[in-house]
Amino acid sequence: MAHNRLKHTDAQARYAAKKVGLRATKSRPRKNSLFDNHGGFQLINGRNIVVDGFRFELTADDVVERCTKPVMKEGEVYFPRYVS
């Protein structure tokens, strides 16, 4: 059976991150890179601290999901997930 998952664009991922006060930065992998670089996204807060995707492993779908999904904490719902 086919997988019916939505495909988000890079622009949609950046927009979702911006709405919650984050910056979605995409890496362009290079040959012979010394870093563990997966060619995906990182989420960075207002203090330039990486909050998710430390190895650029997030896809555009992952970014949109993480920036729009409510989170439970101590019996209350917090939205958005990341705070700068």
Protein backbone atom coordinates (compact mmCIF):
# COMPACT_ATOMS: atom_id res chain seq x y z
CA MET A 1 0.00 0.00 0.00
CA ALA A 2 1.23 3.50 -0.83
CA HIS A 3 2.38 5.80 1.92
CA ASN A 4 0.10 8.86 2.09
CA ARG A 5 2.43 11.25 3.89
CA LEU A 6 2.38 14.90 2.86
CA LYS A 7 5.51 16.37 1.33
CA HIS A 8 6.32 19.85 2.57
CA THR A 9 8.59 22.20 0.67
CA ASP A 10 11.66 23.90 2.10
CA ALA A 11 9.78 27.22 2.08
CA GLN A 12 6.93 25.71 4.11
CA ALA A 13 9.42 24.36 6.64
CA ARG A 14 11.11 27.76 7.02
CA TYR A 15 7.72 29.48 7.37
CA ALA A 16 6.55 27.04 10.08
CA ALA A 17 9.78 27.58 12.01
CA LYS A 18 9.53 31.36 11.69
CA LYS A 19 5.97 31.30 13.07
CA VAL A 20 7.24 29.79 16.34
CA GLY A 21 10.31 32.00 16.65
CA LEU A 22 12.89 29.63 15.16
CA ARG A 23 15.06 29.57 12.08
CA ALA A 24 15.18 26.49 9.87
CA THR A 25 18.60 26.27 8.25
CA LYS A 26 19.28 23.74 5.51
CA SER A 27 22.71 22.33 4.86
CA ARG A 28 24.05 21.44 1.48
CA PRO A 29 26.17 18.32 1.84
CA ARG A 30 29.55 18.31 0.13
CA LYS A 31 31.80 15.49 -0.89
CA ASN A 32 34.50 14.60 1.61
CA SER A 33 32.88 16.70 4.34
CA LEU A 34 34.60 16.39 7.71
CA PHE A 35 31.31 16.94 9.56
CA ASP A 36 28.45 14.51 10.10
CA ASN A 37 26.18 16.32 7.67
CA HIS A 38 22.98 14.66 6.46
CA GLY A 39 21.93 17.46 4.09
CA GLY A 40 18.70 18.32 5.92
CA PHE A 41 17.53 21.00 8.34
CA GLN A 42 18.50 22.33 11.76
CA LEU A 43 16.17 24.32 14.01
CA ILE A 44 17.91 27.28 15.64
CA ASN A 45 16.44 29.56 18.31
CA GLY A 46 16.87 33.32 18.71
CA ARG A 47 20.12 32.86 20.64
CA ASN A 48 21.72 30.86 17.78
CA ILE A 49 21.46 27.61 19.71
CA VAL A 50 20.53 24.46 17.81
CA VAL A 51 17.38 23.01 19.39
CA ASP A 52 16.82 20.10 16.99
CA GLY A 53 18.54 18.53 13.99
CA PHE A 54 22.05 18.70 15.37
CA ARG A 55 23.39 16.70 12.42
CA PHE A 56 21.12 18.34 9.81
CA GLU A 57 18.99 15.17 9.80
CA LEU A 58 15.53 16.81 9.77
CA THR A 59 13.42 16.76 6.62
CA ALA A 60 11.00 19.55 5.69
CA ASP A 61 8.15 17.32 6.95
CA ASP A 62 9.95 16.87 10.29
CA VAL A 63 10.37 20.64 10.70
CA VAL A 64 6.70 21.36 10.00
CA GLU A 65 5.59 18.58 12.35
CA ARG A 66 7.83 19.75 15.20
CA CYS A 67 6.75 23.38 14.82
CA THR A 68 3.01 22.73 14.71
CA LYS A 69 2.53 19.84 17.14
CA PRO A 70 1.36 20.73 20.68
CA VAL A 71 3.44 19.36 23.57
CA MET A 72 2.23 18.16 26.96
CA LYS A 73 4.18 19.28 30.00
CA GLU A 74 3.09 18.86 33.62
CA GLY A 75 -0.58 18.45 32.69
CA GLU A 76 -0.72 21.54 30.45
CA VAL A 77 -0.47 21.90 26.70
CA TYR A 78 2.33 24.17 25.51
CA PHE A 79 2.31 25.50 21.98
CA PRO A 80 4.69 25.94 20.20
CA ARG A 81 7.15 23.19 21.05
CA TYR A 82 10.31 25.28 21.11
CA VAL A 83 10.92 28.48 23.03
CA SER A 84 13.86 30.78 22.34
